[in-house]
Amino acid sequence: MSAPIVQIEGLSKAFATGDGSFLALDAVSLSIAPGEMVAIMGPSGSGKSTLMTLIGLLDSPTAGRYLLDGEDVSRLSRLEQARVRNRKLGFVFQNFNLLPRLSAAQNVELPLVYGREERRRRRALAVAALEAVGLGAKLDSLPNTLSGGQKQRVAIARALVHNPSMILADEPTGALDTRTGAEIMALFRQLNREQGRTIVVVTHDPEIGRQMDRVIGLRDGRLADNILRDYYGVDLYERQARLAAD
């Protein structure tokens, strides 16, 4: 069996408040295997966005240990974490986060610019990534000429272009209509199935949770094993169980 890509042990995160501190994440332990599609779900304020920022090395834990590909990244400096993040992680956000004055290809090239990749190779990799998400004809299009679904495909291409170990998607269908959101999830499943990509999605949408290999539930900063049943309803829980049985 492959070693986990993510191994978290007793991870906690506290934030200072006016009258003390708030524990957003409370001694969470979990692992994610290579090639898994995992959803992080729970009610507002449950700690799922905090967990995502820690997994994504966008913040540091107050306590606990985080191993990414076997490396204890929770002990690295912020500069070292940034280097690991740029090398091993790809990000997809709800609002796309595309730079409006750059073309689709130039937006996709950005992780390679930060990684100091040679210009000609950057362009070739960006073209390949956009072709992989069905946007080979939109290389030079500016974001304001693209539909919401096309913008998210550009964002996914940007997340893929440096061949990361894992893709982290924060509410990737939240700004899209139902049909377009379904197309984006189908693309994630295709990338997972055909390329073996590890994909972690933070979502409020139970239909997305139903499509994943596994759901990590959170409530009040702690793991909640039955989050699908208790928060999203018994029917969804039963459908998830049938999906797993298949």
Protein backbone atom coordinates (compact mmCIF):
# COMPACT_ATOMS: atom_id res chain seq x y z
CA MET A 1 0.00 0.00 0.00
CA SER A 2 1.31 3.48 -0.89
CA ALA A 3 2.34 5.83 1.88
CA PRO A 4 -0.18 8.66 2.52
CA ILE A 5 0.34 11.85 0.57
CA VAL A 6 -1.12 13.71 3.57
CA GLN A 7 -0.55 12.57 7.15
CA ILE A 8 -1.90 14.90 9.84
CA GLU A 9 -1.42 14.21 13.54
CA GLY A 10 -3.12 16.29 16.24
CA LEU A 11 -3.32 19.42 14.11
CA SER A 12 -4.74 22.48 15.87
CA LYS A 13 -5.12 26.12 14.92
CA ALA A 14 -6.02 28.92 17.33
CA PHE A 15 -6.74 32.53 16.37
CA ALA A 16 -6.37 35.48 18.72
CA THR A 17 -9.57 37.35 19.56
CA GLY A 18 -10.30 40.48 21.56
CA ASP A 19 -10.87 38.53 24.75
CA GLY A 20 -8.56 35.55 24.29
CA SER A 21 -8.35 32.99 21.50
CA PHE A 22 -10.61 30.87 19.31
CA LEU A 23 -9.73 27.25 18.53
CA ALA A 24 -10.75 26.82 14.90
CA LEU A 25 -9.23 23.35 14.55
CA ASP A 26 -8.90 21.03 17.53
CA ALA A 27 -6.37 18.16 17.44
CA VAL A 28 -7.42 16.75 14.07
CA SER A 29 -5.70 13.59 12.79
CA LEU A 30 -6.27 12.15 9.32
CA SER A 31 -4.55 10.81 6.23
CA ILE A 32 -5.18 11.05 2.48
CA ALA A 33 -3.87 8.41 0.10
CA PRO A 34 -2.35 9.14 -3.33
CA GLY A 35 -5.03 9.14 -6.01
CA GLU A 36 -7.95 9.75 -3.64
CA MET A 37 -10.77 12.19 -4.32
CA VAL A 38 -11.75 13.58 -0.92
CA ALA A 39 -14.33 16.17 0.15
CA ILE A 40 -13.99 18.24 3.32
CA MET A 41 -17.51 19.08 4.49
CA GLY A 42 -19.34 20.55 7.45
CA PRO A 43 -21.49 23.49 8.53
CA SER A 44 -20.23 27.08 8.43
CA GLY A 45 -17.63 27.63 11.13
CA SER A 46 -16.77 23.93 11.33
CA GLY A 47 -13.08 24.49 10.51
CA LYS A 48 -13.03 23.14 6.97
CA SER A 49 -11.51 26.29 5.41
CA THR A 50 -8.91 26.40 8.20
CA LEU A 51 -8.01 22.78 7.50
CA MET A 52 -7.67 23.54 3.79
CA THR A 53 -5.34 26.49 4.42
CA LEU A 54 -3.14 24.30 6.63
CA ILE A 55 -3.03 21.44 4.12
CA GLY A 56 -2.25 24.03 1.43
CA LEU A 57 0.62 25.54 3.48
CA LEU A 58 -1.10 28.92 3.36
CA ASP A 59 -0.93 29.12 7.17
CA SER A 60 0.90 27.35 10.00
CA PRO A 61 -0.68 25.23 12.74
CA THR A 62 -0.62 26.19 16.40
CA ALA A 63 0.14 22.57 17.33
CA GLY A 64 0.44 19.18 15.67
CA ARG A 65 2.33 17.61 12.80
CA TYR A 66 1.75 17.63 9.04
CA LEU A 67 3.63 15.34 6.68
CA LEU A 68 3.29 15.99 2.94
CA ASP A 69 4.76 13.20 0.82
CA GLY A 70 6.54 12.03 3.97
CA GLU A 71 8.14 15.41 4.73
CA ASP A 72 7.28 17.22 7.98
CA VAL A 73 6.28 20.52 6.39
CA SER A 74 4.77 21.90 9.60
CA ARG A 75 8.30 22.56 10.87
CA LEU A 76 9.54 24.40 7.78
CA SER A 77 10.04 28.17 7.58
CA ARG A 78 7.48 30.21 5.64
CA LEU A 79 9.93 30.54 2.72
CA GLU A 80 10.56 26.80 2.67
CA GLN A 81 6.83 26.14 2.83
CA ALA A 82 6.28 28.47 -0.13
CA ARG A 83 8.81 26.50 -2.15
CA VAL A 84 7.12 23.21 -1.29
CA ARG A 85 3.69 24.72 -2.05
CA ASN A 86 4.77 25.89 -5.49
CA ARG A 87 6.31 22.52 -6.28
CA LYS A 88 3.75 20.06 -4.87
CA LEU A 89 0.35 21.77 -4.62
CA GLY A 90 -2.12 23.15 -7.15
CA PHE A 91 -5.01 25.44 -6.13
CA VAL A 92 -8.47 26.06 -7.59
CA PHE A 93 -10.65 28.78 -6.04
CA GLN A 94 -14.34 29.62 -6.15
CA ASN A 95 -13.76 32.97 -7.86
CA PHE A 96 -11.08 31.69 -10.27
CA ASN A 97 -8.37 34.22 -9.20
CA LEU A 98 -7.27 34.91 -12.78
CA LEU A 99 -5.30 38.05 -13.60
CA PRO A 100 -7.54 40.07 -15.96
CA ARG A 101 -4.79 41.53 -18.14
CA LEU A 102 -3.14 38.18 -18.85
CA SER A 103 -4.30 35.71 -21.46
CA ALA A 104 -5.45 32.22 -20.52
CA ALA A 105 -2.03 30.80 -21.38
CA GLN A 106 -0.21 33.52 -19.42
CA ASN A 107 -2.41 32.87 -16.37
CA VAL A 108 -1.62 29.16 -16.59
CA GLU A 109 2.10 29.91 -16.84
CA LEU A 110 2.20 31.74 -13.49
CA PRO A 111 3.27 28.78 -11.27
CA LEU A 112 6.08 28.13 -13.75
CA VAL A 113 7.15 31.79 -13.63
CA TYR A 114 7.41 31.53 -9.84
CA GLY A 115 9.35 28.29 -10.32
CA ARG A 116 11.74 30.06 -12.73
CA GLU A 117 10.98 27.74 -15.63
CA GLU A 118 12.46 28.74 -19.00
CA ARG A 119 10.06 30.83 -21.11
CA ARG A 120 9.70 28.52 -24.10
CA ARG A 121 9.06 25.50 -21.87
CA ARG A 122 6.52 27.54 -19.86
CA ARG A 123 4.51 28.20 -22.99
CA ALA A 124 4.62 24.58 -24.11
CA LEU A 125 3.47 23.30 -20.70
CA ALA A 126 0.68 25.91 -20.52
CA VAL A 127 -0.60 24.93 -23.96
CA ALA A 128 -0.59 21.24 -22.98
CA ALA A 129 -2.45 21.98 -19.73
CA LEU A 130 -5.13 24.05 -21.50
CA GLU A 131 -5.56 21.37 -24.13
CA ALA A 132 -6.00 18.80 -21.35
CA VAL A 133 -9.00 20.76 -20.00
CA GLY A 134 -10.52 21.37 -23.42
CA LEU A 135 -9.40 24.96 -23.96
CA GLY A 136 -6.74 24.57 -26.63
CA ALA A 137 -8.60 27.11 -28.78
CA LYS A 138 -8.62 29.78 -26.05
CA LEU A 139 -4.89 30.21 -25.41
CA ASP A 140 -4.79 33.95 -26.07
CA SER A 141 -8.24 34.83 -24.73
CA LEU A 142 -8.50 37.29 -21.85
CA PRO A 143 -10.55 36.22 -18.80
CA ASN A 144 -13.32 38.74 -19.47
CA THR A 145 -14.07 37.01 -22.80
CA LEU A 146 -14.53 33.59 -21.17
CA SER A 147 -17.58 32.03 -19.55
CA GLY A 148 -17.54 31.05 -15.88
CA GLY A 149 -16.93 27.41 -16.74
CA GLN A 150 -14.08 28.33 -19.08
CA LYS A 151 -12.49 30.52 -16.41
CA GLN A 152 -12.59 27.62 -13.96
CA ARG A 153 -11.03 25.33 -16.57
CA VAL A 154 -8.20 27.86 -16.95
CA ALA A 155 -7.81 27.81 -13.17
CA ILE A 156 -7.67 24.00 -13.22
CA ALA A 157 -5.07 24.08 -16.00
CA ARG A 158 -3.02 26.50 -13.88
CA ALA A 159 -3.28 24.09 -10.94
CA LEU A 160 -2.07 21.21 -13.14
CA VAL A 161 0.67 22.87 -15.15
CA HIS A 162 3.56 22.15 -12.75
CA ASN A 163 2.45 18.54 -12.18
CA PRO A 164 1.67 18.88 -8.46
CA SER A 165 1.26 15.99 -6.03
CA MET A 166 -2.22 17.21 -5.04
CA ILE A 167 -4.93 19.63 -6.18
CA LEU A 168 -6.81 21.61 -3.51
CA ALA A 169 -10.12 23.08 -4.63
CA ASP A 170 -12.05 25.53 -2.42
CA GLU A 171 -15.76 25.58 -3.41
CA PRO A 172 -14.78 25.15 -7.09
CA THR A 173 -18.40 25.15 -8.31
CA GLY A 174 -19.71 27.84 -5.95
CA ALA A 175 -19.73 30.61 -8.58
CA LEU A 176 -21.12 28.41 -11.36
CA ASP A 177 -24.60 27.36 -12.45
CA THR A 178 -25.65 23.75 -11.85
CA ARG A 179 -24.87 22.46 -15.34
CA THR A 180 -21.46 24.11 -15.51
CA GLY A 181 -20.64 22.96 -11.99
CA ALA A 182 -21.43 19.39 -13.02
CA GLU A 183 -19.06 19.75 -15.99
CA ILE A 184 -16.26 20.94 -13.71
CA MET A 185 -16.78 17.99 -11.35
CA ALA A 186 -16.76 15.63 -14.35
CA LEU A 187 -13.40 17.14 -15.33
CA PHE A 188 -12.03 16.54 -11.83
CA ARG A 189 -13.19 12.91 -11.98
CA GLN A 190 -11.55 12.52 -15.38
CA LEU A 191 -8.25 13.91 -14.09
CA ASN A 192 -8.46 11.61 -11.09
CA ARG A 193 -9.33 8.52 -13.14
CA GLU A 194 -7.00 9.05 -16.12
CA GLN A 195 -4.03 10.77 -14.45
CA GLY A 196 -4.34 9.48 -10.88
CA ARG A 197 -4.54 13.02 -9.49
CA THR A 198 -5.14 13.40 -5.77
CA ILE A 199 -7.95 15.93 -5.38
CA VAL A 200 -9.24 17.51 -2.16
CA VAL A 201 -12.38 19.65 -2.38
CA VAL A 202 -13.89 21.90 0.30
CA THR A 203 -17.61 22.12 -0.38
CA HIS A 204 -21.05 22.78 1.10
CA ASP A 205 -22.68 20.86 -1.75
CA PRO A 206 -23.87 17.37 -0.73
CA GLU A 207 -24.08 16.31 -4.38
CA ILE A 208 -20.34 16.89 -4.70
CA GLY A 209 -19.72 14.94 -1.51
CA ARG A 210 -21.69 12.06 -2.95
CA GLN A 211 -19.31 11.82 -5.91
CA MET A 212 -16.10 11.60 -3.88
CA ASP A 213 -14.20 8.54 -2.71
CA ARG A 214 -14.47 9.76 0.87
CA VAL A 215 -15.86 12.62 2.94
CA ILE A 216 -13.94 14.16 5.83
CA GLY A 217 -16.56 15.72 8.10
CA LEU A 218 -15.88 18.56 10.54
CA ARG A 219 -17.97 20.13 13.26
CA ASP A 220 -16.72 22.71 15.77
CA GLY A 221 -13.15 22.14 14.66
CA ARG A 222 -13.22 18.38 15.25
CA LEU A 223 -13.69 15.37 13.01
CA ALA A 224 -17.33 14.29 12.66
CA ASP A 225 -17.60 10.78 11.24
CA ASN A 226 -21.31 10.94 10.42
CA ILE A 227 -21.46 14.43 8.95
CA LEU A 228 -23.27 13.26 5.80
CA ARG A 229 -26.02 11.58 7.80
CA ASP A 230 -26.29 14.07 10.66
CA TYR A 231 -25.95 17.34 8.76
CA TYR A 232 -26.87 16.56 5.16
CA GLY A 233 -29.54 13.87 5.68
CA VAL A 234 -30.02 10.12 5.88
CA ASP A 235 -30.90 9.75 2.20
CA LEU A 236 -27.55 11.13 1.10
CA TYR A 237 -25.77 8.94 3.65
CA GLU A 238 -27.45 5.85 2.22
CA ARG A 239 -26.61 6.84 -1.37
CA GLN A 240 -22.96 7.36 -0.33
CA ALA A 241 -22.92 3.90 1.20
CA ARG A 242 -24.34 2.37 -2.01
CA LEU A 243 -21.76 4.26 -4.07
CA ALA A 244 -18.96 2.85 -1.90
CA ALA A 245 -20.40 -0.66 -2.22
CA ASP A 246 -20.31 -0.40 -6.02
